[in-house]
Amino acid sequence: MLGFFFRHYLPWVERFVIYDDGSDDNSNEIISSQHNAELRHYTRTHPDSFVLSQRHFLNNCWKESRGKADWVIVTDIDEHLYHPDIENYLLSCKAQRITVIPALGYQMITSEFPGPDEHLSITRTNGAPFTTLNKLSIFNPDAVKEANFTEGRHGARPVGRIKIPREDEMLLLHYKYLGFKFLLEKHSCRRERRTETDRLKGFGRHYYWDEDKLREKWKSFESALVDITSPEATKNHRGPRWWREQRLLRRLSNRLSGLFTRTEAKS
């Protein structure tokens, strides 16, 4: 997956910091071969929980980029942020003083594992809209005080100088369903690395699905596939968008606060 990851991000990301959690393949060699990639050891702050350790890590790892980067991306290796003109889009967002860019999630599906030299967002563009993958991955590290990611980064409650785009154009392409054999192997690997605490708390319960359940899920995504390069992709991505709900709640809170203030002034 690292080859796909670097091929996607290298054209517009200047620096990579990748944390390794004890990989036993040649991942470290691949990462070290990139001139602008720094490899670090991942330390679990909650020894009995990978998920809680990850949440703490994700909420803090990006803060070192303050004063150094216009944008910071917090992501997984199999998540590709996509926009048809991403560099100009980010410049436009910066000019508009936008500080957080949530992405609409797509579960990408391929019938077989892609070839090693493919650029997935160009060659593998069929995905199913999946609101669980609606995530905050890219934001201005100077404007955001805290990201407040939930477990797995499936939600966030950013605080600070927060401004989101008027329309959602950024997509998150999740490349995990890359042939059913690969999916089975990945779930098996992830399942083996779960701690007892994570299992008891229900974190990552989908990794414990049997093959029949996984095939059922595959078919449900397959029936909803769209081409993410289509202009209609963002418009047809239905379902809740937590950042829009938070924006509405902030507006209502501000209006109520103003109402109470005016009422008190009259009394």
C-alpha atoms as a PDB file:
ATOM      1  CA  MET A   1       0.000   0.000   0.000  1.00  0.00           C
ATOM      2  CA  LEU A   2       2.934   2.358   0.556  1.00  0.00           C
ATOM      3  CA  GLY A   3       3.663   2.614  -3.173  1.00  0.00           C
ATOM      4  CA  PHE A   4       0.078   3.673  -3.868  1.00  0.00           C
ATOM      5  CA  PHE A   5       0.194   6.099  -0.936  1.00  0.00           C
ATOM      6  CA  PHE A   6       3.363   7.918  -2.006  1.00  0.00           C
ATOM      7  CA  ARG A   7       2.335   7.967  -5.667  1.00  0.00           C
ATOM      8  CA  HIS A   8      -0.873   9.747  -4.700  1.00  0.00           C
ATOM      9  CA  TYR A   9       0.519  12.284  -2.235  1.00  0.00           C
ATOM     10  CA  LEU A  10       4.047  13.050  -3.493  1.00  0.00           C
ATOM     11  CA  PRO A  11       2.898  15.572  -6.155  1.00  0.00           C
ATOM     12  CA  TRP A  12       1.480  17.945  -3.529  1.00  0.00           C
ATOM     13  CA  VAL A  13       2.759  16.984  -0.059  1.00  0.00           C
ATOM     14  CA  GLU A  14       6.152  18.378   0.935  1.00  0.00           C
ATOM     15  CA  ARG A  15       6.898  16.311   4.045  1.00  0.00           C
ATOM     16  CA  PHE A  16       5.789  12.957   5.425  1.00  0.00           C
ATOM     17  CA  VAL A  17       6.049  11.728   9.010  1.00  0.00           C
ATOM     18  CA  ILE A  18       5.075   8.062   9.283  1.00  0.00           C
ATOM     19  CA  TYR A  19       4.806   6.155  12.545  1.00  0.00           C
ATOM     20  CA  ASP A  20       5.595   2.445  12.579  1.00  0.00           C
ATOM     21  CA  ASP A  21       3.901   0.075  15.020  1.00  0.00           C
ATOM     22  CA  GLY A  22       6.255  -2.865  14.649  1.00  0.00           C
ATOM     23  CA  SER A  23       5.874  -3.816  10.979  1.00  0.00           C
ATOM     24  CA  ASP A  24       7.795  -6.953  10.023  1.00  0.00           C
ATOM     25  CA  ASP A  25       7.966  -6.544   6.235  1.00  0.00           C
ATOM     26  CA  ASN A  26      10.028  -4.085   4.183  1.00  0.00           C
ATOM     27  CA  SER A  27       7.855  -1.059   4.994  1.00  0.00           C
ATOM     28  CA  ASN A  28      10.654   0.700   6.862  1.00  0.00           C
ATOM     29  CA  GLU A  29      12.980   0.384   3.877  1.00  0.00           C
ATOM     30  CA  ILE A  30      10.356   1.778   1.499  1.00  0.00           C
ATOM     31  CA  ILE A  31       9.662   4.753   3.759  1.00  0.00           C
ATOM     32  CA  SER A  32      13.348   5.462   4.362  1.00  0.00           C
ATOM     33  CA  SER A  33      13.980   5.517   0.604  1.00  0.00           C
ATOM     34  CA  GLN A  34      11.800   8.625   0.274  1.00  0.00           C
ATOM     35  CA  HIS A  35      13.921  11.747   0.708  1.00  0.00           C
ATOM     36  CA  ASN A  36      11.107  13.728   2.347  1.00  0.00           C
ATOM     37  CA  ALA A  37       9.743  10.963   4.601  1.00  0.00           C
ATOM     38  CA  GLU A  38      10.661  10.607   8.261  1.00  0.00           C
ATOM     39  CA  LEU A  39      10.100   7.281   9.999  1.00  0.00           C
ATOM     40  CA  ARG A  40       9.279   7.252  13.696  1.00  0.00           C
ATOM     41  CA  HIS A  41       8.401   4.620  16.273  1.00  0.00           C
ATOM     42  CA  TYR A  42       4.774   4.559  17.398  1.00  0.00           C
ATOM     43  CA  THR A  43       4.409   4.500  21.184  1.00  0.00           C
ATOM     44  CA  ARG A  44       1.192   3.285  22.784  1.00  0.00           C
ATOM     45  CA  THR A  45       0.071   5.656  25.537  1.00  0.00           C
ATOM     46  CA  HIS A  46      -2.596   3.110  26.553  1.00  0.00           C
ATOM     47  CA  PRO A  47      -0.681  -0.211  26.533  1.00  0.00           C
ATOM     48  CA  ASP A  48      -3.911  -2.208  26.836  1.00  0.00           C
ATOM     49  CA  SER A  49      -5.721  -0.421  23.985  1.00  0.00           C
ATOM     50  CA  PHE A  50      -4.546   0.229  20.459  1.00  0.00           C
ATOM     51  CA  VAL A  51      -7.634   2.335  19.679  1.00  0.00           C
ATOM     52  CA  LEU A  52      -7.365   4.638  22.702  1.00  0.00           C
ATOM     53  CA  SER A  53      -3.625   5.017  22.091  1.00  0.00           C
ATOM     54  CA  GLN A  54      -4.370   5.897  18.484  1.00  0.00           C
ATOM     55  CA  ARG A  55      -6.945   8.517  19.469  1.00  0.00           C
ATOM     56  CA  HIS A  56      -4.454  10.218  21.789  1.00  0.00           C
ATOM     57  CA  PHE A  57      -1.793  10.050  19.101  1.00  0.00           C
ATOM     58  CA  LEU A  58      -4.021  11.482  16.345  1.00  0.00           C
ATOM     59  CA  ASN A  59      -5.096  14.365  18.549  1.00  0.00           C
ATOM     60  CA  ASN A  60      -1.520  15.441  19.204  1.00  0.00           C
ATOM     61  CA  CYS A  61       0.886  14.298  16.469  1.00  0.00           C
ATOM     62  CA  TRP A  62       0.064  17.182  14.104  1.00  0.00           C
ATOM     63  CA  LYS A  63       0.743  20.005  16.575  1.00  0.00           C
ATOM     64  CA  GLU A  64       4.464  20.099  15.763  1.00  0.00           C
ATOM     65  CA  SER A  65       3.484  21.446  12.316  1.00  0.00           C
ATOM     66  CA  ARG A  66       2.279  24.753  13.758  1.00  0.00           C
ATOM     67  CA  GLY A  67       4.175  27.625  12.234  1.00  0.00           C
ATOM     68  CA  LYS A  68       5.654  25.296   9.592  1.00  0.00           C
ATOM     69  CA  ALA A  69       2.829  24.251   7.261  1.00  0.00           C
ATOM     70  CA  ASP A  70      -0.182  25.782   5.552  1.00  0.00           C
ATOM     71  CA  TRP A  71      -2.011  22.467   5.853  1.00  0.00           C
ATOM     72  CA  VAL A  72      -1.500  19.285   7.822  1.00  0.00           C
ATOM     73  CA  ILE A  73      -2.942  15.910   6.817  1.00  0.00           C
ATOM     74  CA  VAL A  74      -3.735  13.280   9.440  1.00  0.00           C
ATOM     75  CA  THR A  75      -4.502  10.069   7.602  1.00  0.00           C
ATOM     76  CA  ASP A  76      -4.035   6.325   7.235  1.00  0.00           C
ATOM     77  CA  ILE A  77      -1.950   4.707   4.507  1.00  0.00           C
ATOM     78  CA  ASP A  78      -5.045   3.406   2.697  1.00  0.00           C
ATOM     79  CA  GLU A  79      -6.843   6.782   2.705  1.00  0.00           C
ATOM     80  CA  HIS A  80      -6.334   8.994  -0.344  1.00  0.00           C
ATOM     81  CA  LEU A  81      -7.673  12.556  -0.216  1.00  0.00           C
ATOM     82  CA  TYR A  82      -9.015  13.455  -3.632  1.00  0.00           C
ATOM     83  CA  HIS A  83     -10.001  16.568  -5.550  1.00  0.00           C
ATOM     84  CA  PRO A  84      -9.676  16.884  -9.341  1.00  0.00           C
ATOM     85  CA  ASP A  85      -7.504  20.005  -8.925  1.00  0.00           C
ATOM     86  CA  ILE A  86      -6.301  19.668  -5.372  1.00  0.00           C
ATOM     87  CA  GLU A  87      -3.369  22.099  -5.370  1.00  0.00           C
ATOM     88  CA  ASN A  88      -5.421  24.993  -6.731  1.00  0.00           C
ATOM     89  CA  TYR A  89      -8.318  24.019  -4.505  1.00  0.00           C
ATOM     90  CA  LEU A  90      -6.116  24.272  -1.403  1.00  0.00           C
ATOM     91  CA  LEU A  91      -4.793  27.638  -2.575  1.00  0.00           C
ATOM     92  CA  SER A  92      -8.357  28.835  -3.017  1.00  0.00           C
ATOM     93  CA  CYS A  93      -9.342  27.598   0.436  1.00  0.00           C
ATOM     94  CA  LYS A  94      -6.372  29.374   1.970  1.00  0.00           C
ATOM     95  CA  ALA A  95      -7.320  32.623   0.188  1.00  0.00           C
ATOM     96  CA  GLN A  96     -10.852  32.296   1.593  1.00  0.00           C
ATOM     97  CA  ARG A  97      -9.406  31.748   5.089  1.00  0.00           C
ATOM     98  CA  ILE A  98     -10.932  28.287   5.257  1.00  0.00           C
ATOM     99  CA  THR A  99      -9.203  26.344   8.011  1.00  0.00           C
ATOM    100  CA  VAL A 100     -10.729  22.830   8.044  1.00  0.00           C
ATOM    101  CA  ILE A 101     -11.714  20.729   5.025  1.00  0.00           C
ATOM    102  CA  PRO A 102     -13.767  17.655   5.952  1.00  0.00           C
ATOM    103  CA  ALA A 103     -13.945  14.958   3.285  1.00  0.00           C
ATOM    104  CA  LEU A 104     -16.813  12.835   1.999  1.00  0.00           C
ATOM    105  CA  GLY A 105     -15.979   9.148   2.423  1.00  0.00           C
ATOM    106  CA  TYR A 106     -16.027   6.483  -0.272  1.00  0.00           C
ATOM    107  CA  GLN A 107     -15.394   2.769   0.137  1.00  0.00           C
ATOM    108  CA  MET A 108     -13.410   1.980  -2.998  1.00  0.00           C
ATOM    109  CA  ILE A 109     -13.815  -1.496  -4.529  1.00  0.00           C
ATOM    110  CA  THR A 110     -11.750  -3.435  -7.047  1.00  0.00           C
ATOM    111  CA  SER A 111     -12.287  -7.010  -8.218  1.00  0.00           C
ATOM    112  CA  GLU A 112      -8.582  -7.799  -7.866  1.00  0.00           C
ATOM    113  CA  PHE A 113      -5.589  -6.244  -6.173  1.00  0.00           C
ATOM    114  CA  PRO A 114      -4.214  -3.391  -8.360  1.00  0.00           C
ATOM    115  CA  GLY A 115      -0.914  -3.560 -10.203  1.00  0.00           C
ATOM    116  CA  PRO A 116       2.107  -2.191  -8.294  1.00  0.00           C
ATOM    117  CA  ASP A 117       2.563   0.869 -10.522  1.00  0.00           C
ATOM    118  CA  GLU A 118      -1.024   2.077 -10.589  1.00  0.00           C
ATOM    119  CA  HIS A 119      -2.140   5.518  -9.419  1.00  0.00           C
ATOM    120  CA  LEU A 120      -5.330   4.407  -7.738  1.00  0.00           C
ATOM    121  CA  SER A 121      -7.324   7.652  -7.915  1.00  0.00           C
ATOM    122  CA  ILE A 122      -6.800   7.536 -11.693  1.00  0.00           C
ATOM    123  CA  THR A 123      -7.105   3.822 -12.453  1.00  0.00           C
ATOM    124  CA  ARG A 124      -9.506   2.651  -9.721  1.00  0.00           C
ATOM    125  CA  THR A 125     -12.303   5.182  -9.398  1.00  0.00           C
ATOM    126  CA  ASN A 126     -15.365   3.125  -8.420  1.00  0.00           C
ATOM    127  CA  GLY A 127     -16.494   3.604  -4.846  1.00  0.00           C
ATOM    128  CA  ALA A 128     -19.594   3.543  -2.681  1.00  0.00           C
ATOM    129  CA  PRO A 129     -20.585   6.595  -0.614  1.00  0.00           C
ATOM    130  CA  PHE A 130     -20.036   5.704   3.042  1.00  0.00           C
ATOM    131  CA  THR A 131     -20.792   8.281   5.728  1.00  0.00           C
ATOM    132  CA  THR A 132     -18.751   6.342   8.317  1.00  0.00           C
ATOM    133  CA  LEU A 133     -15.703   7.450   6.331  1.00  0.00           C
ATOM    134  CA  ASN A 134     -16.682  11.124   6.396  1.00  0.00           C
ATOM    135  CA  LYS A 135     -13.582  12.410   8.154  1.00  0.00           C
ATOM    136  CA  LEU A 136     -11.549  15.483   8.933  1.00  0.00           C
ATOM    137  CA  SER A 137      -8.113  14.760   7.514  1.00  0.00           C
ATOM    138  CA  ILE A 138      -6.752  18.122   6.365  1.00  0.00           C
ATOM    139  CA  PHE A 139      -6.731  21.393   8.257  1.00  0.00           C
ATOM    140  CA  ASN A 140      -4.701  24.489   9.110  1.00  0.00           C
ATOM    141  CA  PRO A 141      -2.561  23.574  12.146  1.00  0.00           C
ATOM    142  CA  ASP A 142      -2.217  27.214  13.221  1.00  0.00           C
ATOM    143  CA  ALA A 143      -5.977  27.834  13.248  1.00  0.00           C
ATOM    144  CA  VAL A 144      -7.083  24.624  14.972  1.00  0.00           C
ATOM    145  CA  LYS A 145      -6.474  24.556  18.704  1.00  0.00           C
ATOM    146  CA  GLU A 146      -7.709  20.999  19.212  1.00  0.00           C
ATOM    147  CA  ALA A 147      -9.051  18.503  16.663  1.00  0.00           C
ATOM    148  CA  ASN A 148     -10.877  16.348  19.236  1.00  0.00           C
ATOM    149  CA  PHE A 149     -10.936  13.256  17.023  1.00  0.00           C
ATOM    150  CA  THR A 150     -13.147  10.383  18.124  1.00  0.00           C
ATOM    151  CA  GLU A 151     -12.038   6.742  17.955  1.00  0.00           C
ATOM    152  CA  GLY A 152     -10.772   5.864  14.481  1.00  0.00           C
ATOM    153  CA  ARG A 153     -11.055   9.528  13.441  1.00  0.00           C
ATOM    154  CA  HIS A 154     -14.665   8.846  12.375  1.00  0.00           C
ATOM    155  CA  GLY A 155     -15.714  12.114  13.952  1.00  0.00           C
ATOM    156  CA  ALA A 156     -14.127  15.308  15.241  1.00  0.00           C
ATOM    157  CA  ARG A 157     -15.033  18.417  17.157  1.00  0.00           C
ATOM    158  CA  PRO A 158     -12.391  20.940  16.114  1.00  0.00           C
ATOM    159  CA  VAL A 159     -12.068  24.116  18.145  1.00  0.00           C
ATOM    160  CA  GLY A 160     -10.195  27.284  17.340  1.00  0.00           C
ATOM    161  CA  ARG A 161     -10.573  29.530  14.327  1.00  0.00           C
ATOM    162  CA  ILE A 162     -12.859  27.169  12.430  1.00  0.00           C
ATOM    163  CA  LYS A 163     -14.166  27.874   8.923  1.00  0.00           C
ATOM    164  CA  ILE A 164     -15.361  25.133   6.568  1.00  0.00           C
ATOM    165  CA  PRO A 165     -15.974  25.350   2.801  1.00  0.00           C
ATOM    166  CA  ARG A 166     -19.436  26.430   1.683  1.00  0.00           C
ATOM    167  CA  GLU A 167     -19.665  23.285  -0.454  1.00  0.00           C
ATOM    168  CA  ASP A 168     -18.031  19.909   0.182  1.00  0.00           C
ATOM    169  CA  GLU A 169     -15.600  19.084  -2.634  1.00  0.00           C
ATOM    170  CA  MET A 170     -12.918  17.004  -0.916  1.00  0.00           C
ATOM    171  CA  LEU A 171     -13.285  13.217  -1.038  1.00  0.00           C
ATOM    172  CA  LEU A 172     -11.665  10.524   1.080  1.00  0.00           C
ATOM    173  CA  LEU A 173     -11.044   7.389  -0.968  1.00  0.00           C
ATOM    174  CA  HIS A 174     -10.608   4.358   1.270  1.00  0.00           C
ATOM    175  CA  TYR A 175      -8.723   1.619  -0.569  1.00  0.00           C
ATOM    176  CA  LYS A 176      -9.341  -1.473   1.549  1.00  0.00           C
ATOM    177  CA  TYR A 177     -11.726  -3.553  -0.561  1.00  0.00           C
ATOM    178  CA  LEU A 178      -8.999  -4.371  -3.091  1.00  0.00           C
ATOM    179  CA  GLY A 179     -10.115  -7.845  -4.032  1.00  0.00           C
ATOM    180  CA  PHE A 180     -11.867 -10.132  -1.568  1.00  0.00           C
ATOM    181  CA  LYS A 181      -8.740 -12.144  -0.732  1.00  0.00           C
ATOM    182  CA  PHE A 182      -6.847  -8.998   0.268  1.00  0.00           C
ATOM    183  CA  LEU A 183      -9.795  -7.851   2.375  1.00  0.00           C
ATOM    184  CA  LEU A 184      -9.930 -11.165   4.245  1.00  0.00           C
ATOM    185  CA  GLU A 185      -6.190 -11.075   4.916  1.00  0.00           C
ATOM    186  CA  LYS A 186      -6.308  -7.501   6.122  1.00  0.00           C
ATOM    187  CA  HIS A 187      -9.167  -8.181   8.531  1.00  0.00           C
ATOM    188  CA  SER A 188      -7.342 -11.230   9.850  1.00  0.00           C
ATOM    189  CA  CYS A 189      -4.183  -9.203  10.432  1.00  0.00           C
ATOM    190  CA  ARG A 190      -6.062  -6.393  12.149  1.00  0.00           C
ATOM    191  CA  ARG A 191      -7.998  -8.858  14.290  1.00  0.00           C
ATOM    192  CA  GLU A 192      -4.783 -10.435  15.570  1.00  0.00           C
ATOM    193  CA  ARG A 193      -3.482  -7.015  16.656  1.00  0.00           C
ATOM    194  CA  ARG A 194      -6.598  -6.070  18.651  1.00  0.00           C
ATOM    195  CA  THR A 195      -6.170  -6.007  22.410  1.00  0.00           C
ATOM    196  CA  GLU A 196      -8.632  -7.594  24.815  1.00  0.00           C
ATOM    197  CA  THR A 197      -9.672  -4.134  26.018  1.00  0.00           C
ATOM    198  CA  ASP A 198     -10.487  -3.029  22.476  1.00  0.00           C
ATOM    199  CA  ARG A 199     -12.495  -6.187  21.877  1.00  0.00           C
ATOM    200  CA  LEU A 200     -14.505  -5.762  25.081  1.00  0.00           C
ATOM    201  CA  LYS A 201     -15.226  -2.121  24.254  1.00  0.00           C
ATOM    202  CA  GLY A 202     -16.429  -3.093  20.782  1.00  0.00           C
ATOM    203  CA  PHE A 203     -13.685  -1.195  18.957  1.00  0.00           C
ATOM    204  CA  GLY A 204     -13.084  -2.617  15.480  1.00  0.00           C
ATOM    205  CA  ARG A 205     -15.935  -5.119  15.761  1.00  0.00           C
ATOM    206  CA  HIS A 206     -16.064  -5.404  11.958  1.00  0.00           C
ATOM    207  CA  TYR A 207     -12.701  -7.168  12.033  1.00  0.00           C
ATOM    208  CA  TYR A 208     -14.465 -10.109  13.683  1.00  0.00           C
ATOM    209  CA  TRP A 209     -17.031 -10.596  10.906  1.00  0.00           C
ATOM    210  CA  ASP A 210     -17.012 -14.048   9.360  1.00  0.00           C
ATOM    211  CA  GLU A 211     -16.565 -14.552   5.628  1.00  0.00           C
ATOM    212  CA  ASP A 212     -20.316 -14.623   4.922  1.00  0.00           C
ATOM    213  CA  LYS A 213     -20.888 -11.315   6.708  1.00  0.00           C
ATOM    214  CA  LEU A 214     -17.957  -9.755   4.898  1.00  0.00           C
ATOM    215  CA  ARG A 215     -19.294 -10.924   1.510  1.00  0.00           C
ATOM    216  CA  GLU A 216     -22.671  -9.457   2.398  1.00  0.00           C
ATOM    217  CA  LYS A 217     -21.058  -6.115   3.164  1.00  0.00           C
ATOM    218  CA  TRP A 218     -19.040  -6.302  -0.053  1.00  0.00           C
ATOM    219  CA  LYS A 219     -22.234  -6.814  -2.089  1.00  0.00           C
ATOM    220  CA  SER A 220     -23.975  -3.889  -0.399  1.00  0.00           C
ATOM    221  CA  PHE A 221     -21.103  -1.564  -1.323  1.00  0.00           C
ATOM    222  CA  GLU A 222     -20.906  -3.035  -4.815  1.00  0.00           C
ATOM    223  CA  SER A 223     -24.582  -2.228  -5.422  1.00  0.00           C
ATOM    224  CA  ALA A 224     -23.953   1.457  -4.619  1.00  0.00           C
ATOM    225  CA  LEU A 225     -20.819   2.072  -6.703  1.00  0.00           C
ATOM    226  CA  VAL A 226     -20.342   5.399  -8.475  1.00  0.00           C
ATOM    227  CA  ASP A 227     -17.431   6.910 -10.381  1.00  0.00           C
ATOM    228  CA  ILE A 228     -15.806   9.377  -7.980  1.00  0.00           C
ATOM    229  CA  THR A 229     -14.450  11.422 -10.895  1.00  0.00           C
ATOM    230  CA  SER A 230     -18.022  12.304 -11.925  1.00  0.00           C
ATOM    231  CA  PRO A 231     -19.113  15.877 -11.105  1.00  0.00           C
ATOM    232  CA  GLU A 232     -22.196  14.351  -9.494  1.00  0.00           C
ATOM    233  CA  ALA A 233     -20.191  12.345  -6.940  1.00  0.00           C
ATOM    234  CA  THR A 234     -20.347  14.951  -4.170  1.00  0.00           C
ATOM    235  CA  LYS A 235     -23.979  15.873  -4.875  1.00  0.00           C
ATOM    236  CA  ASN A 236     -25.138  12.262  -4.642  1.00  0.00           C
ATOM    237  CA  HIS A 237     -23.264  11.564  -1.412  1.00  0.00           C
ATOM    238  CA  ARG A 238     -26.239  11.510   0.923  1.00  0.00           C
ATOM    239  CA  GLY A 239     -26.442  11.116   4.653  1.00  0.00           C
ATOM    240  CA  PRO A 240     -25.374  13.148   7.693  1.00  0.00           C
ATOM    241  CA  ARG A 241     -22.307  15.352   7.604  1.00  0.00           C
ATOM    242  CA  TRP A 242     -21.277  15.952  11.187  1.00  0.00           C
ATOM    243  CA  TRP A 243     -19.470  19.217  10.391  1.00  0.00           C
ATOM    244  CA  ARG A 244     -22.654  20.756   8.942  1.00  0.00           C
ATOM    245  CA  GLU A 245     -24.597  19.734  12.042  1.00  0.00           C
ATOM    246  CA  GLN A 246     -21.933  21.246  14.296  1.00  0.00           C
ATOM    247  CA  ARG A 247     -22.010  24.475  12.291  1.00  0.00           C
ATOM    248  CA  LEU A 248     -25.786  24.693  12.696  1.00  0.00           C
ATOM    249  CA  LEU A 249     -25.525  24.070  16.438  1.00  0.00           C
ATOM    250  CA  ARG A 250     -22.901  26.813  16.786  1.00  0.00           C
ATOM    251  CA  ARG A 251     -25.146  29.261  14.937  1.00  0.00           C
ATOM    252  CA  LEU A 252     -28.128  28.384  17.130  1.00  0.00           C
ATOM    253  CA  SER A 253     -26.000  28.714  20.254  1.00  0.00           C
ATOM    254  CA  ASN A 254     -24.742  32.130  19.164  1.00  0.00           C
ATOM    255  CA  ARG A 255     -28.278  33.325  18.398  1.00  0.00           C
ATOM    256  CA  LEU A 256     -29.584  32.108  21.749  1.00  0.00           C
ATOM    257  CA  SER A 257     -26.680  33.771  23.512  1.00  0.00           C
ATOM    258  CA  GLY A 258     -27.448  37.033  21.730  1.00  0.00           C
ATOM    259  CA  LEU A 259     -31.142  36.718  22.588  1.00  0.00           C
ATOM    260  CA  PHE A 260     -30.447  36.248  26.281  1.00  0.00           C
ATOM    261  CA  THR A 261     -28.015  39.144  26.249  1.00  0.00           C
ATOM    262  CA  ARG A 262     -30.619  41.482  24.695  1.00  0.00           C
ATOM    263  CA  THR A 263     -33.280  40.253  27.125  1.00  0.00           C
ATOM    264  CA  GLU A 264     -31.047  40.918  30.101  1.00  0.00           C
ATOM    265  CA  ALA A 265     -30.256  44.404  28.800  1.00  0.00           C
ATOM    266  CA  LYS A 266     -33.973  45.250  28.770  1.00  0.00           C
ATOM    267  CA  SER A 267     -34.707  43.983  32.261  1.00  0.00           C
END
